[in-house]
Amino acid sequence: MIRKAEDKDVGAIIAFLSRHSETSMFLLGNLEAHGLNNTEHANGTAYFLRETGEGITGVFGATNGGYLMCQLPGIGATEAQLYAHLLQGYTLRGMTGDVAQVDAILAALPVPGDAWHVNRAEPLYARDLARIKSKATLIRPAEDHRALLTEWFGQYAADAGLNDGCDLALNAANAGIAIVSGRVRLLLDGGVPVAMTGINARAGVTVQVGGVFVARHRRGEGLAGQAVAAHLQELRGEGVTRAILFTASAQAARAYEKIGFNQIGSYRLALLKEPLTLGVPR
């Protein structure tokens, strides 16, 4: 049976997703931050549950902002069609999650293959934070970093292949979020910011690292690893015990491996060129 989640389900949802936390961080983080019924925030998420006599065996989520997420072990074509029918009229921007599960959902959606800007499986990494150490100096970004961050977010998007980096309004908005969210840190060298690290999801004692960027003229010096390690050391002091991340480049993967991350699988990132309102499933 598939049904929409209710408030009474929150504890059971968290318990189920926590057993699959490596590929459920956006589902968990959005639930922790916005609950079940937030229809205003872009990350507010509608949750649908797959249940059997054993309780919850799968969770499907659709955000207000147009992004799909799932934790649906063993999903097949018939079940994927059910979610595709639920999504008629939904304006889609992209989907993330376990590679096989996302592939099953995307195959059922009425989205032409050439509509995707990004559709790739990225290496998924994790590490325990018990022994993480760093002597690097980090600061929270402030208003006087806004121009630099706007430039960096554009370069980050271009480097990651997310867009061409020329959307100044989007870059400025991301800079503003970085300043006020409390989730971003800047690595300093001689008092000058040289790298950025952030957390794009947090749930319980686990965080998902995202938005790591090194100034282009300072690359190849190990600064990404230093920034991430220092940020995770700070978070360990707040009770965080585990970190997850996925990465688009072999160079970044090597940097994370040097600070103790180990590959545990793959993660699908699929982003449309333009938002698409979904019609009748295939």
Protein backbone atom coordinates (compact mmCIF):
# COMPACT_ATOMS: atom_id res chain seq x y z
CA MET A 1 0.00 0.00 0.00
CA ILE A 2 1.14 3.55 -0.76
CA ARG A 3 -0.31 6.45 1.21
CA LYS A 4 0.52 10.02 2.16
CA ALA A 5 2.35 10.37 5.47
CA GLU A 6 0.62 11.78 8.54
CA ASP A 7 2.01 13.41 11.67
CA LYS A 8 1.73 10.15 13.59
CA ASP A 9 4.16 8.55 11.12
CA VAL A 10 7.14 10.84 11.76
CA GLY A 11 8.90 8.59 14.28
CA ALA A 12 8.55 5.52 12.08
CA ILE A 13 9.72 7.45 8.99
CA ILE A 14 12.86 8.60 10.79
CA ALA A 15 13.54 5.09 12.09
CA PHE A 16 13.24 3.61 8.59
CA LEU A 17 15.27 6.29 6.81
CA SER A 18 17.99 6.20 9.47
CA ARG A 19 18.70 2.60 8.47
CA HIS A 20 19.48 3.93 4.97
CA SER A 21 20.91 7.32 5.98
CA GLU A 22 23.70 7.38 3.38
CA THR A 23 21.17 7.82 0.55
CA SER A 24 18.38 9.47 2.57
CA MET A 25 19.96 12.66 3.85
CA PHE A 26 17.72 15.07 1.94
CA LEU A 27 14.61 13.15 3.01
CA LEU A 28 15.76 13.14 6.63
CA GLY A 29 17.07 16.71 6.64
CA ASN A 30 13.92 18.18 5.09
CA LEU A 31 11.74 16.29 7.55
CA GLU A 32 13.81 17.50 10.51
CA ALA A 33 13.88 21.10 9.26
CA HIS A 34 10.33 21.51 7.88
CA GLY A 35 8.14 18.66 9.12
CA LEU A 36 5.45 16.99 7.00
CA ASN A 37 3.09 19.82 6.14
CA ASN A 38 5.21 22.80 5.12
CA THR A 39 3.84 24.11 1.83
CA GLU A 40 5.74 27.41 1.82
CA HIS A 41 9.48 26.65 1.92
CA ALA A 42 11.09 25.32 -1.25
CA ASN A 43 12.45 22.36 0.73
CA GLY A 44 9.12 21.57 2.37
CA THR A 45 8.38 18.01 1.30
CA ALA A 46 5.31 15.83 0.76
CA TYR A 47 6.09 12.30 1.96
CA PHE A 48 4.48 9.11 0.67
CA LEU A 49 4.91 5.78 2.41
CA ARG A 50 5.14 2.22 1.11
CA GLU A 51 3.77 -0.10 3.79
CA THR A 52 3.41 -3.81 4.29
CA GLY A 53 2.43 -5.87 7.30
CA GLU A 54 5.95 -5.18 8.59
CA GLY A 55 5.42 -1.40 8.58
CA ILE A 56 7.18 1.22 6.43
CA THR A 57 9.35 -0.34 3.71
CA GLY A 58 9.81 2.72 1.51
CA VAL A 59 9.55 6.52 1.45
CA PHE A 60 9.02 8.82 -1.54
CA GLY A 61 9.33 12.62 -1.27
CA ALA A 62 8.44 15.58 -3.50
CA THR A 63 9.55 19.07 -2.47
CA ASN A 64 7.68 22.31 -3.05
CA GLY A 65 10.65 23.42 -5.13
CA GLY A 66 10.35 20.62 -7.69
CA TYR A 67 12.82 17.97 -6.49
CA LEU A 68 12.10 14.29 -5.95
CA MET A 69 13.80 11.97 -3.46
CA CYS A 70 13.22 8.37 -2.53
CA GLN A 71 14.28 5.49 -0.32
CA LEU A 72 12.51 2.57 -1.97
CA PRO A 73 14.63 -0.59 -1.74
CA GLY A 74 13.64 -3.15 -4.35
CA ILE A 75 11.42 -0.79 -6.37
CA GLY A 76 10.28 -2.22 -9.70
CA ALA A 77 8.62 -0.83 -12.82
CA THR A 78 5.05 -1.34 -11.61
CA GLU A 79 5.62 0.57 -8.36
CA ALA A 80 7.49 3.31 -10.22
CA GLN A 81 4.41 3.79 -12.40
CA LEU A 82 2.32 4.41 -9.27
CA TYR A 83 4.56 7.33 -8.26
CA ALA A 84 4.54 8.62 -11.82
CA HIS A 85 0.73 8.76 -11.71
CA LEU A 86 0.82 10.57 -8.35
CA LEU A 87 3.09 13.20 -9.92
CA GLN A 88 0.80 14.27 -12.76
CA GLY A 89 0.67 18.07 -12.70
CA TYR A 90 3.84 18.34 -10.58
CA THR A 91 6.51 20.74 -11.84
CA LEU A 92 9.78 18.80 -11.80
CA ARG A 93 13.28 20.26 -11.59
CA GLY A 94 15.31 17.18 -10.68
CA MET A 95 15.81 14.08 -8.57
CA THR A 96 18.51 12.62 -6.32
CA GLY A 97 19.04 9.34 -4.52
CA ASP A 98 20.15 5.73 -4.79
CA VAL A 99 21.12 5.09 -8.40
CA ALA A 100 18.92 2.03 -9.09
CA GLN A 101 15.91 3.52 -7.33
CA VAL A 102 16.12 6.87 -9.10
CA ASP A 103 16.64 5.15 -12.44
CA ALA A 104 13.40 3.19 -11.90
CA ILE A 105 11.42 6.35 -11.14
CA LEU A 106 12.90 8.35 -14.02
CA ALA A 107 12.14 5.54 -16.46
CA ALA A 108 8.44 5.87 -15.57
CA LEU A 109 8.23 9.66 -15.84
CA PRO A 110 7.18 11.34 -19.12
CA VAL A 111 10.51 13.20 -19.47
CA PRO A 112 12.39 13.10 -22.80
CA GLY A 113 16.02 12.07 -22.58
CA ASP A 114 17.30 15.32 -24.03
CA ALA A 115 15.56 17.35 -21.29
CA TRP A 116 18.28 16.56 -18.76
CA HIS A 117 21.07 19.02 -18.14
CA VAL A 118 22.78 16.68 -15.65
CA ASN A 119 22.01 12.99 -15.15
CA ARG A 120 24.95 11.17 -13.63
CA ALA A 121 25.92 8.67 -10.95
CA GLU A 122 28.49 10.15 -8.57
CA PRO A 123 30.73 8.35 -6.06
CA LEU A 124 29.19 8.34 -2.58
CA TYR A 125 31.52 8.66 0.42
CA ALA A 126 31.24 8.45 4.20
CA ARG A 127 33.43 8.69 7.28
CA ASP A 128 33.16 8.47 11.03
CA LEU A 129 34.23 11.66 12.77
CA ALA A 130 35.68 10.18 15.95
CA ARG A 131 39.31 10.86 15.00
CA ILE A 132 39.01 13.78 12.61
CA LYS A 133 41.55 16.56 13.30
CA SER A 134 42.45 19.85 11.68
CA LYS A 135 44.44 22.95 12.58
CA ALA A 136 42.91 25.08 9.84
CA THR A 137 41.19 28.37 10.65
CA LEU A 138 37.57 28.73 9.58
CA ILE A 139 35.14 31.61 9.92
CA ARG A 140 31.46 32.06 9.24
CA PRO A 141 30.90 34.26 6.16
CA ALA A 142 29.75 37.82 6.84
CA GLU A 143 28.16 40.59 4.83
CA ASP A 144 31.52 41.84 3.57
CA HIS A 145 32.04 38.44 1.89
CA ARG A 146 28.88 38.73 -0.21
CA ALA A 147 30.59 39.80 -3.45
CA LEU A 148 33.25 37.09 -3.15
CA LEU A 149 30.67 34.42 -2.40
CA THR A 150 28.52 35.51 -5.35
CA GLU A 151 31.55 35.03 -7.61
CA TRP A 152 32.45 31.70 -6.01
CA PHE A 153 28.95 30.23 -6.28
CA GLY A 154 28.95 31.02 -9.99
CA GLN A 155 32.32 29.35 -10.45
CA TYR A 156 31.23 26.38 -8.33
CA ALA A 157 28.13 25.84 -10.48
CA ALA A 158 30.17 26.02 -13.67
CA ASP A 159 32.89 23.69 -12.34
CA ALA A 160 30.30 21.11 -11.24
CA GLY A 161 28.43 21.32 -14.55
CA LEU A 162 25.24 22.45 -12.81
CA ASN A 163 24.90 25.52 -15.06
CA ASP A 164 27.16 27.99 -16.82
CA GLY A 165 27.62 30.06 -13.66
CA CYS A 166 26.22 33.20 -15.29
CA ASP A 167 22.93 33.41 -13.37
CA LEU A 168 23.89 36.38 -11.21
CA ALA A 169 20.59 36.45 -9.35
CA LEU A 170 20.93 32.78 -8.37
CA ASN A 171 24.57 33.23 -7.38
CA ALA A 172 23.69 36.25 -5.24
CA ALA A 173 20.81 34.36 -3.62
CA ASN A 174 23.13 31.47 -2.75
CA ALA A 175 25.62 33.94 -1.29
CA GLY A 176 22.89 35.40 0.89
CA ILE A 177 21.86 31.95 2.10
CA ALA A 178 25.48 31.13 2.91
CA ILE A 179 25.75 34.25 5.08
CA VAL A 180 22.57 33.71 7.09
CA SER A 181 22.23 29.91 7.22
CA GLY A 182 25.08 29.13 9.59
CA ARG A 183 25.95 26.09 7.45
CA VAL A 184 28.87 27.55 5.47
CA ARG A 185 32.46 28.18 6.56
CA LEU A 186 35.38 29.95 4.87
CA LEU A 187 38.98 28.77 5.11
CA LEU A 188 41.44 31.60 5.68
CA ASP A 189 45.08 31.90 4.68
CA GLY A 190 46.78 35.03 5.93
CA GLY A 191 43.36 36.41 6.81
CA VAL A 192 42.11 35.99 3.23
CA PRO A 193 39.36 33.48 2.27
CA VAL A 194 40.76 30.79 -0.02
CA ALA A 195 38.14 28.02 0.19
CA MET A 196 34.54 27.34 1.18
CA THR A 197 32.82 24.35 2.74
CA GLY A 198 29.20 23.76 3.65
CA ILE A 199 26.57 21.36 4.89
CA ASN A 200 23.61 20.78 2.56
CA ALA A 201 21.69 18.41 4.85
CA ARG A 202 21.70 17.54 8.54
CA ALA A 203 19.71 14.87 10.32
CA GLY A 204 20.33 13.78 13.88
CA VAL A 205 24.05 13.07 14.30
CA THR A 206 24.79 12.85 10.55
CA VAL A 207 25.62 15.64 8.08
CA GLN A 208 25.97 15.74 4.32
CA VAL A 209 28.83 17.90 3.05
CA GLY A 210 28.18 20.10 0.01
CA GLY A 211 29.26 23.28 -1.72
CA VAL A 212 33.00 22.71 -1.29
CA PHE A 213 34.97 25.20 -3.38
CA VAL A 214 38.60 26.34 -3.63
CA ALA A 215 39.63 29.64 -5.22
CA ARG A 216 40.85 28.79 -8.70
CA HIS A 217 44.33 30.26 -8.20
CA ARG A 218 44.86 28.13 -5.05
CA ARG A 219 43.91 24.69 -6.29
CA GLY A 220 46.19 21.69 -5.91
CA GLU A 221 47.30 22.68 -2.39
CA GLY A 222 45.00 20.41 -0.39
CA LEU A 223 42.79 23.30 0.74
CA ALA A 224 39.49 21.50 0.10
CA GLY A 225 40.44 18.70 2.46
CA GLN A 226 41.66 21.15 5.08
CA ALA A 227 38.41 23.11 4.96
CA VAL A 228 36.16 20.06 5.15
CA ALA A 229 38.18 18.47 7.97
CA ALA A 230 38.10 21.66 10.03
CA HIS A 231 34.36 22.08 9.52
CA LEU A 232 33.67 18.48 10.50
CA GLN A 233 35.87 18.83 13.57
CA GLU A 234 33.73 21.80 14.60
CA LEU A 235 30.56 19.80 14.02
CA ARG A 236 31.92 16.85 15.99
CA GLY A 237 32.07 19.21 18.95
CA GLU A 238 28.31 19.73 18.48
CA GLY A 239 27.60 16.00 18.60
CA VAL A 240 27.81 15.07 14.90
CA THR A 241 29.36 11.61 14.49
CA ARG A 242 29.17 10.82 10.75
CA ALA A 243 29.55 12.66 7.45
CA ILE A 244 28.29 11.79 3.95
CA LEU A 245 29.14 13.38 0.60
CA PHE A 246 28.98 12.75 -3.12
CA THR A 247 31.33 14.30 -5.63
CA ALA A 248 31.48 15.05 -9.34
CA SER A 249 35.23 14.85 -9.98
CA ALA A 250 38.10 12.42 -9.46
CA GLN A 251 40.24 15.26 -8.09
CA ALA A 252 37.68 16.04 -5.40
CA ALA A 253 37.30 12.35 -4.59
CA ARG A 254 41.05 12.08 -3.98
CA ALA A 255 40.93 15.10 -1.68
CA TYR A 256 38.20 13.48 0.43
CA GLU A 257 39.98 10.14 0.51
CA LYS A 258 43.07 11.88 1.91
CA ILE A 259 41.06 13.01 4.95
CA GLY A 260 39.57 9.59 5.63
CA PHE A 261 36.45 9.31 3.49
CA ASN A 262 35.73 5.90 1.96
CA GLN A 263 33.53 5.19 -1.03
CA ILE A 264 30.41 3.27 -0.02
CA GLY A 265 28.42 3.34 -3.27
CA SER A 266 27.03 5.74 -5.87
CA TYR A 267 24.42 8.48 -5.85
CA ARG A 268 22.28 9.73 -8.75
CA LEU A 269 22.08 13.47 -9.48
CA ALA A 270 19.54 14.35 -12.20
CA LEU A 271 18.72 17.99 -13.03
CA LEU A 272 16.51 19.24 -15.86
CA LYS A 273 17.54 22.03 -18.21
CA GLU A 274 14.20 23.72 -17.52
CA PRO A 275 11.35 22.93 -15.09
CA LEU A 276 8.85 20.51 -16.63
CA THR A 277 5.21 20.01 -15.60
CA LEU A 278 4.60 16.27 -15.67
CA GLY A 279 1.76 14.81 -17.71
CA VAL A 280 0.50 11.26 -18.22
CA PRO A 281 3.17 8.65 -17.39
CA ARG A 282 4.83 6.57 -20.09
